[in-house]
Amino acid sequence: MQIVKDQIFISSLQNILENIAQDSISQAMIFNNELEEKINNLAYMPFKFRQSLFHKNENIRDLLLPQ
């Protein structure tokens, strides 16, 4: 499995991290690190997360991070 982080992903993530960093830079860093770890693990367990609530394709999954 190959995971491609396209420009939309990178731009969206940057916006999310900037918003989190307004409250806490350390929390933004923690969020980014946890997301990277989960994305990297997808190559080994692609169906670990639930099927997406927004798509009918069973290959599309919702990756949730604890809040």
C-alpha atoms as a PDB file:
ATOM      1  CA  MET A   1       0.000   0.000   0.000  1.00  0.00           C
ATOM      2  CA  GLN A   2       1.270   3.437  -0.910  1.00  0.00           C
ATOM      3  CA  ILE A   3       0.068   6.539   0.924  1.00  0.00           C
ATOM      4  CA  VAL A   4       0.186   9.748  -1.085  1.00  0.00           C
ATOM      5  CA  LYS A   5       0.002  13.069   0.735  1.00  0.00           C
ATOM      6  CA  ASP A   6      -1.180  15.418  -1.978  1.00  0.00           C
ATOM      7  CA  GLN A   7      -1.139  19.210  -1.912  1.00  0.00           C
ATOM      8  CA  ILE A   8      -4.725  19.368  -0.588  1.00  0.00           C
ATOM      9  CA  PHE A   9      -3.752  17.168   2.372  1.00  0.00           C
ATOM     10  CA  ILE A  10      -0.630  19.200   3.120  1.00  0.00           C
ATOM     11  CA  SER A  11      -2.469  22.522   2.889  1.00  0.00           C
ATOM     12  CA  SER A  12      -5.383  21.308   5.024  1.00  0.00           C
ATOM     13  CA  LEU A  13      -3.062  19.861   7.649  1.00  0.00           C
ATOM     14  CA  GLN A  14      -1.092  23.100   7.788  1.00  0.00           C
ATOM     15  CA  ASN A  15      -4.317  25.045   8.420  1.00  0.00           C
ATOM     16  CA  ILE A  16      -5.368  22.622  11.147  1.00  0.00           C
ATOM     17  CA  LEU A  17      -1.968  22.792  12.843  1.00  0.00           C
ATOM     18  CA  GLU A  18      -1.980  26.595  12.728  1.00  0.00           C
ATOM     19  CA  ASN A  19      -5.407  26.662  14.376  1.00  0.00           C
ATOM     20  CA  ILE A  20      -4.350  24.257  17.117  1.00  0.00           C
ATOM     21  CA  ALA A  21      -1.100  26.188  17.638  1.00  0.00           C
ATOM     22  CA  GLN A  22      -3.055  29.352  18.405  1.00  0.00           C
ATOM     23  CA  ASP A  23      -4.028  27.673  21.683  1.00  0.00           C
ATOM     24  CA  SER A  24      -0.998  25.454  22.210  1.00  0.00           C
ATOM     25  CA  ILE A  25       2.058  24.856  20.071  1.00  0.00           C
ATOM     26  CA  SER A  26       2.850  21.684  21.987  1.00  0.00           C
ATOM     27  CA  GLN A  27      -0.639  20.285  21.320  1.00  0.00           C
ATOM     28  CA  ALA A  28      -0.230  21.038  17.619  1.00  0.00           C
ATOM     29  CA  MET A  29       3.041  19.110  17.629  1.00  0.00           C
ATOM     30  CA  ILE A  30       1.454  16.191  19.508  1.00  0.00           C
ATOM     31  CA  PHE A  31      -1.462  16.111  17.058  1.00  0.00           C
ATOM     32  CA  ASN A  32       0.903  16.113  14.082  1.00  0.00           C
ATOM     33  CA  ASN A  33       3.085  13.356  15.559  1.00  0.00           C
ATOM     34  CA  GLU A  34       0.088  11.134  16.391  1.00  0.00           C
ATOM     35  CA  LEU A  35      -1.377  11.653  12.931  1.00  0.00           C
ATOM     36  CA  GLU A  36       1.938  10.791  11.253  1.00  0.00           C
ATOM     37  CA  GLU A  37       2.240   7.625  13.346  1.00  0.00           C
ATOM     38  CA  LYS A  38      -1.274   6.481  12.472  1.00  0.00           C
ATOM     39  CA  ILE A  39      -0.773   7.237   8.781  1.00  0.00           C
ATOM     40  CA  ASN A  40       2.509   5.315   8.730  1.00  0.00           C
ATOM     41  CA  ASN A  41       0.825   2.311  10.381  1.00  0.00           C
ATOM     42  CA  LEU A  42      -1.861   2.199   7.691  1.00  0.00           C
ATOM     43  CA  ALA A  43       0.558   0.440   5.380  1.00  0.00           C
ATOM     44  CA  TYR A  44       0.478  -2.550   7.763  1.00  0.00           C
ATOM     45  CA  MET A  45      -3.201  -2.419   8.816  1.00  0.00           C
ATOM     46  CA  PRO A  46      -5.220  -0.617   6.116  1.00  0.00           C
ATOM     47  CA  PHE A  47      -8.617  -1.742   7.453  1.00  0.00           C
ATOM     48  CA  LYS A  48      -7.936  -0.943  11.101  1.00  0.00           C
ATOM     49  CA  PHE A  49     -10.361   1.976  11.172  1.00  0.00           C
ATOM     50  CA  ARG A  50     -14.114   1.952  10.613  1.00  0.00           C
ATOM     51  CA  GLN A  51     -15.664   2.274   7.191  1.00  0.00           C
ATOM     52  CA  SER A  52     -16.279   5.905   6.311  1.00  0.00           C
ATOM     53  CA  LEU A  53     -19.631   7.353   7.305  1.00  0.00           C
ATOM     54  CA  PHE A  54     -19.463   9.638   4.280  1.00  0.00           C
ATOM     55  CA  HIS A  55     -18.661   7.124   1.517  1.00  0.00           C
ATOM     56  CA  LYS A  56     -20.282   3.833   0.566  1.00  0.00           C
ATOM     57  CA  ASN A  57     -16.972   2.351  -0.565  1.00  0.00           C
ATOM     58  CA  GLU A  58     -15.767  -0.114   2.083  1.00  0.00           C
ATOM     59  CA  ASN A  59     -12.157   0.692   1.186  1.00  0.00           C
ATOM     60  CA  ILE A  60     -12.546   4.287   2.413  1.00  0.00           C
ATOM     61  CA  ARG A  61     -11.966   4.558   6.164  1.00  0.00           C
ATOM     62  CA  ASP A  62     -12.351   7.225   8.856  1.00  0.00           C
ATOM     63  CA  LEU A  63      -9.132   7.736  10.791  1.00  0.00           C
ATOM     64  CA  LEU A  64     -10.034   9.129  14.207  1.00  0.00           C
ATOM     65  CA  LEU A  65      -7.658  10.646  16.701  1.00  0.00           C
ATOM     66  CA  PRO A  66      -8.482  10.893  20.414  1.00  0.00           C
ATOM     67  CA  GLN A  67      -9.368  14.370  21.594  1.00  0.00           C
END
